Amino acid sequence: MILIILLLAIGVWAVGATIVELRRDGYRRTPTDWTRVPGPDALHRADPGHGYR
């Protein structure tokens, strides 16, 4: 019985720690930096890669 209580306590702690870390990790939606997006002609200027047969 003590093992079950201990496992439940560890599980609750793990879920709580996961939620806290997910809120704290800094992964948020950010706006697109349009200065880093290539122009419409980027595919035509691309260098050819390695060709495989």
PDB file of N, CA and C in Angstrom:
ATOM      1  N   MET A   1       0.831  -1.193   0.000  1.00  0.00           N
ATOM      2  CA  MET A   1       0.000   0.000   0.000  1.00  0.00           C
ATOM      3  C   MET A   1       0.876   1.257   0.000  1.00  0.00           C
ATOM      4  N   ILE A   2       1.963   1.181   0.765  1.00  0.00           N
ATOM      5  CA  ILE A   2       2.857   2.334   0.822  1.00  0.00           C
ATOM      6  C   ILE A   2       3.478   2.590  -0.554  1.00  0.00           C
ATOM      7  N   LEU A   3       3.799   1.520  -1.283  1.00  0.00           N
ATOM      8  CA  LEU A   3       4.373   1.679  -2.616  1.00  0.00           C
ATOM      9  C   LEU A   3       3.390   2.346  -3.577  1.00  0.00           C
ATOM     10  N   ILE A   4       2.127   2.005  -3.474  1.00  0.00           N
ATOM     11  CA  ILE A   4       1.117   2.614  -4.341  1.00  0.00           C
ATOM     12  C   ILE A   4       0.996   4.102  -4.052  1.00  0.00           C
ATOM     13  N   ILE A   5       0.978   4.460  -2.789  1.00  0.00           N
ATOM     14  CA  ILE A   5       0.898   5.869  -2.408  1.00  0.00           C
ATOM     15  C   ILE A   5       2.141   6.613  -2.886  1.00  0.00           C
ATOM     16  N   LEU A   6       3.305   5.970  -2.743  1.00  0.00           N
ATOM     17  CA  LEU A   6       4.547   6.587  -3.188  1.00  0.00           C
ATOM     18  C   LEU A   6       4.545   6.781  -4.706  1.00  0.00           C
ATOM     19  N   LEU A   7       4.088   5.796  -5.456  1.00  0.00           N
ATOM     20  CA  LEU A   7       4.016   5.916  -6.909  1.00  0.00           C
ATOM     21  C   LEU A   7       3.026   6.986  -7.337  1.00  0.00           C
ATOM     22  N   LEU A   8       1.891   7.066  -6.676  1.00  0.00           N
ATOM     23  CA  LEU A   8       0.925   8.117  -6.985  1.00  0.00           C
ATOM     24  C   LEU A   8       1.503   9.506  -6.694  1.00  0.00           C
ATOM     25  N   ALA A   9       2.230   9.635  -5.591  1.00  0.00           N
ATOM     26  CA  ALA A   9       2.829  10.929  -5.248  1.00  0.00           C
ATOM     27  C   ALA A   9       3.873  11.326  -6.289  1.00  0.00           C
ATOM     28  N   ILE A  10       4.688  10.376  -6.713  1.00  0.00           N
ATOM     29  CA  ILE A  10       5.686  10.672  -7.734  1.00  0.00           C
ATOM     30  C   ILE A  10       5.011  11.033  -9.050  1.00  0.00           C
ATOM     31  N   GLY A  11       3.938  10.342  -9.393  1.00  0.00           N
ATOM     32  CA  GLY A  11       3.203  10.651 -10.622  1.00  0.00           C
ATOM     33  C   GLY A  11       2.600  12.043 -10.604  1.00  0.00           C
ATOM     34  N   VAL A  12       2.004  12.413  -9.488  1.00  0.00           N
ATOM     35  CA  VAL A  12       1.414  13.752  -9.354  1.00  0.00           C
ATOM     36  C   VAL A  12       2.516  14.811  -9.446  1.00  0.00           C
ATOM     37  N   TRP A  13       3.649  14.555  -8.801  1.00  0.00           N
ATOM     38  CA  TRP A  13       4.764  15.486  -8.858  1.00  0.00           C
ATOM     39  C   TRP A  13       5.279  15.619 -10.295  1.00  0.00           C
ATOM     40  N   ALA A  14       5.378  14.512 -11.008  1.00  0.00           N
ATOM     41  CA  ALA A  14       5.879  14.546 -12.388  1.00  0.00           C
ATOM     42  C   ALA A  14       4.934  15.318 -13.300  1.00  0.00           C
ATOM     43  N   VAL A  15       3.637  15.115 -13.155  1.00  0.00           N
ATOM     44  CA  VAL A  15       2.668  15.846 -13.982  1.00  0.00           C
ATOM     45  C   VAL A  15       2.738  17.344 -13.671  1.00  0.00           C
ATOM     46  N   GLY A  16       2.823  17.679 -12.415  1.00  0.00           N
ATOM     47  CA  GLY A  16       2.924  19.086 -12.029  1.00  0.00           C
ATOM     48  C   GLY A  16       4.203  19.722 -12.545  1.00  0.00           C
ATOM     49  N   ALA A  17       5.319  19.024 -12.428  1.00  0.00           N
ATOM     50  CA  ALA A  17       6.591  19.559 -12.916  1.00  0.00           C
ATOM     51  C   ALA A  17       6.566  19.714 -14.430  1.00  0.00           C
ATOM     52  N   THR A  18       5.925  18.781 -15.135  1.00  0.00           N
ATOM     53  CA  THR A  18       5.820  18.881 -16.594  1.00  0.00           C
ATOM     54  C   THR A  18       5.017  20.102 -16.997  1.00  0.00           C
ATOM     55  N   ILE A  19       3.913  20.340 -16.337  1.00  0.00           N
ATOM     56  CA  ILE A  19       3.081  21.501 -16.654  1.00  0.00           C
ATOM     57  C   ILE A  19       3.847  22.797 -16.393  1.00  0.00           C
ATOM     58  N   VAL A  20       4.559  22.859 -15.284  1.00  0.00           N
ATOM     59  CA  VAL A  20       5.333  24.063 -14.959  1.00  0.00           C
ATOM     60  C   VAL A  20       6.409  24.296 -15.999  1.00  0.00           C
ATOM     61  N   GLU A  21       7.131  23.244 -16.389  1.00  0.00           N
ATOM     62  CA  GLU A  21       8.207  23.408 -17.368  1.00  0.00           C
ATOM     63  C   GLU A  21       7.676  23.763 -18.755  1.00  0.00           C
ATOM     64  N   LEU A  22       6.543  23.231 -19.126  1.00  0.00           N
ATOM     65  CA  LEU A  22       5.967  23.578 -20.421  1.00  0.00           C
ATOM     66  C   LEU A  22       5.534  25.035 -20.471  1.00  0.00           C
ATOM     67  N   ARG A  23       5.079  25.559 -19.361  1.00  0.00           N
ATOM     68  CA  ARG A  23       4.697  26.972 -19.318  1.00  0.00           C
ATOM     69  C   ARG A  23       5.927  27.870 -19.300  1.00  0.00           C
ATOM     70  N   ARG A  24       7.044  27.360 -18.815  1.00  0.00           N
ATOM     71  CA  ARG A  24       8.244  28.153 -18.610  1.00  0.00           C
ATOM     72  C   ARG A  24       9.266  28.039 -19.743  1.00  0.00           C
ATOM     73  N   ASP A  25       9.034  27.176 -20.713  1.00  0.00           N
ATOM     74  CA  ASP A  25      10.074  26.872 -21.695  1.00  0.00           C
ATOM     75  C   ASP A  25      10.277  27.952 -22.743  1.00  0.00           C
ATOM     76  N   GLY A  26       9.402  28.926 -22.863  1.00  0.00           N
ATOM     77  CA  GLY A  26       9.602  30.009 -23.802  1.00  0.00           C
ATOM     78  C   GLY A  26       9.127  29.709 -25.206  1.00  0.00           C
ATOM     79  N   TYR A  27       8.490  28.585 -25.422  1.00  0.00           N
ATOM     80  CA  TYR A  27       7.998  28.263 -26.759  1.00  0.00           C
ATOM     81  C   TYR A  27       6.673  28.974 -26.955  1.00  0.00           C
ATOM     82  N   ARG A  28       6.709  30.047 -27.683  1.00  0.00           N
ATOM     83  CA  ARG A  28       5.506  30.828 -27.953  1.00  0.00           C
ATOM     84  C   ARG A  28       5.414  31.088 -29.447  1.00  0.00           C
ATOM     85  N   ARG A  29       4.250  31.406 -29.923  1.00  0.00           N
ATOM     86  CA  ARG A  29       4.090  31.817 -31.311  1.00  0.00           C
ATOM     87  C   ARG A  29       4.760  33.154 -31.487  1.00  0.00           C
ATOM     88  N   THR A  30       5.595  33.267 -32.493  1.00  0.00           N
ATOM     89  CA  THR A  30       6.280  34.521 -32.777  1.00  0.00           C
ATOM     90  C   THR A  30       5.946  34.948 -34.195  1.00  0.00           C
ATOM     91  N   PRO A  31       5.868  36.229 -34.431  1.00  0.00           N
ATOM     92  CA  PRO A  31       5.575  36.692 -35.784  1.00  0.00           C
ATOM     93  C   PRO A  31       6.735  36.385 -36.731  1.00  0.00           C
ATOM     94  N   THR A  32       6.423  36.232 -37.991  1.00  0.00           N
ATOM     95  CA  THR A  32       7.429  35.940 -39.006  1.00  0.00           C
ATOM     96  C   THR A  32       8.305  37.162 -39.245  1.00  0.00           C
ATOM     97  N   ASP A  33       9.616  36.929 -39.281  1.00  0.00           N
ATOM     98  CA  ASP A  33      10.555  37.988 -39.623  1.00  0.00           C
ATOM     99  C   ASP A  33      10.680  38.001 -41.141  1.00  0.00           C
ATOM    100  N   TRP A  34       9.947  38.875 -41.788  1.00  0.00           N
ATOM    101  CA  TRP A  34       9.864  38.888 -43.245  1.00  0.00           C
ATOM    102  C   TRP A  34      11.179  39.307 -43.894  1.00  0.00           C
ATOM    103  N   THR A  35      12.105  39.877 -43.128  1.00  0.00           N
ATOM    104  CA  THR A  35      13.399  40.224 -43.713  1.00  0.00           C
ATOM    105  C   THR A  35      14.249  38.986 -43.953  1.00  0.00           C
ATOM    106  N   ARG A  36      13.930  37.865 -43.311  1.00  0.00           N
ATOM    107  CA  ARG A  36      14.706  36.644 -43.482  1.00  0.00           C
ATOM    108  C   ARG A  36      14.077  35.681 -44.480  1.00  0.00           C
ATOM    109  N   VAL A  37      12.898  35.995 -44.984  1.00  0.00           N
ATOM    110  CA  VAL A  37      12.225  35.137 -45.946  1.00  0.00           C
ATOM    111  C   VAL A  37      12.763  35.445 -47.339  1.00  0.00           C
ATOM    112  N   PRO A  38      13.192  34.410 -48.085  1.00  0.00           N
ATOM    113  CA  PRO A  38      13.731  34.682 -49.422  1.00  0.00           C
ATOM    114  C   PRO A  38      12.647  35.204 -50.353  1.00  0.00           C
ATOM    115  N   GLY A  39      13.092  35.889 -51.379  1.00  0.00           N
ATOM    116  CA  GLY A  39      12.167  36.462 -52.350  1.00  0.00           C
ATOM    117  C   GLY A  39      11.503  35.382 -53.196  1.00  0.00           C
ATOM    118  N   PRO A  40      10.625  35.788 -54.121  1.00  0.00           N
ATOM    119  CA  PRO A  40       9.886  34.812 -54.932  1.00  0.00           C
ATOM    120  C   PRO A  40      10.777  34.073 -55.923  1.00  0.00           C
ATOM    121  N   ASP A  41      11.981  34.583 -56.175  1.00  0.00           N
ATOM    122  CA  ASP A  41      12.857  33.966 -57.162  1.00  0.00           C
ATOM    123  C   ASP A  41      13.919  33.067 -56.510  1.00  0.00           C
ATOM    124  N   ALA A  42      13.752  32.717 -55.250  1.00  0.00           N
ATOM    125  CA  ALA A  42      14.781  31.970 -54.533  1.00  0.00           C
ATOM    126  C   ALA A  42      14.990  30.572 -55.114  1.00  0.00           C
ATOM    127  N   LEU A  43      13.948  29.918 -55.564  1.00  0.00           N
ATOM    128  CA  LEU A  43      14.104  28.561 -56.104  1.00  0.00           C
ATOM    129  C   LEU A  43      14.841  28.562 -57.432  1.00  0.00           C
ATOM    130  N   HIS A  44      14.709  29.617 -58.208  1.00  0.00           N
ATOM    131  CA  HIS A  44      15.384  29.687 -59.497  1.00  0.00           C
ATOM    132  C   HIS A  44      16.879  29.975 -59.336  1.00  0.00           C
ATOM    133  N   ARG A  45      17.233  30.632 -58.241  1.00  0.00           N
ATOM    134  CA  ARG A  45      18.635  30.941 -58.008  1.00  0.00           C
ATOM    135  C   ARG A  45      19.344  29.860 -57.202  1.00  0.00           C
ATOM    136  N   ALA A  46      18.644  28.830 -56.775  1.00  0.00           N
ATOM    137  CA  ALA A  46      19.234  27.798 -55.912  1.00  0.00           C
ATOM    138  C   ALA A  46      20.264  26.984 -56.680  1.00  0.00           C
ATOM    139  N   ASP A  47      21.360  26.678 -56.013  1.00  0.00           N
ATOM    140  CA  ASP A  47      22.399  25.834 -56.609  1.00  0.00           C
ATOM    141  C   ASP A  47      21.916  24.390 -56.640  1.00  0.00           C
ATOM    142  N   PRO A  48      22.258  23.645 -57.678  1.00  0.00           N
ATOM    143  CA  PRO A  48      21.854  22.243 -57.727  1.00  0.00           C
ATOM    144  C   PRO A  48      22.598  21.443 -56.665  1.00  0.00           C
ATOM    145  N   GLY A  49      21.907  20.522 -56.072  1.00  0.00           N
ATOM    146  CA  GLY A  49      22.499  19.675 -55.048  1.00  0.00           C
ATOM    147  C   GLY A  49      23.133  18.439 -55.652  1.00  0.00           C
ATOM    148  N   HIS A  50      23.383  17.480 -54.834  1.00  0.00           N
ATOM    149  CA  HIS A  50      23.955  16.221 -55.309  1.00  0.00           C
ATOM    150  C   HIS A  50      22.893  15.439 -56.053  1.00  0.00           C
ATOM    151  N   GLY A  51      23.257  14.876 -57.167  1.00  0.00           N
ATOM    152  CA  GLY A  51      22.317  14.061 -57.928  1.00  0.00           C
ATOM    153  C   GLY A  51      22.544  12.587 -57.642  1.00  0.00           C
ATOM    154  N   TYR A  52      21.499  11.862 -57.478  1.00  0.00           N
ATOM    155  CA  TYR A  52      21.576  10.430 -57.213  1.00  0.00           C
ATOM    156  C   TYR A  52      20.896   9.693 -58.359  1.00  0.00           C
ATOM    157  N   ARG A  53      21.468   8.591 -58.785  1.00  0.00           N
ATOM    158  CA  ARG A  53      20.860   7.798 -59.843  1.00  0.00           C
ATOM    159  C   ARG A  53      20.028   6.690 -59.285  1.00  0.00           C
TER     160      ARG A  53
END
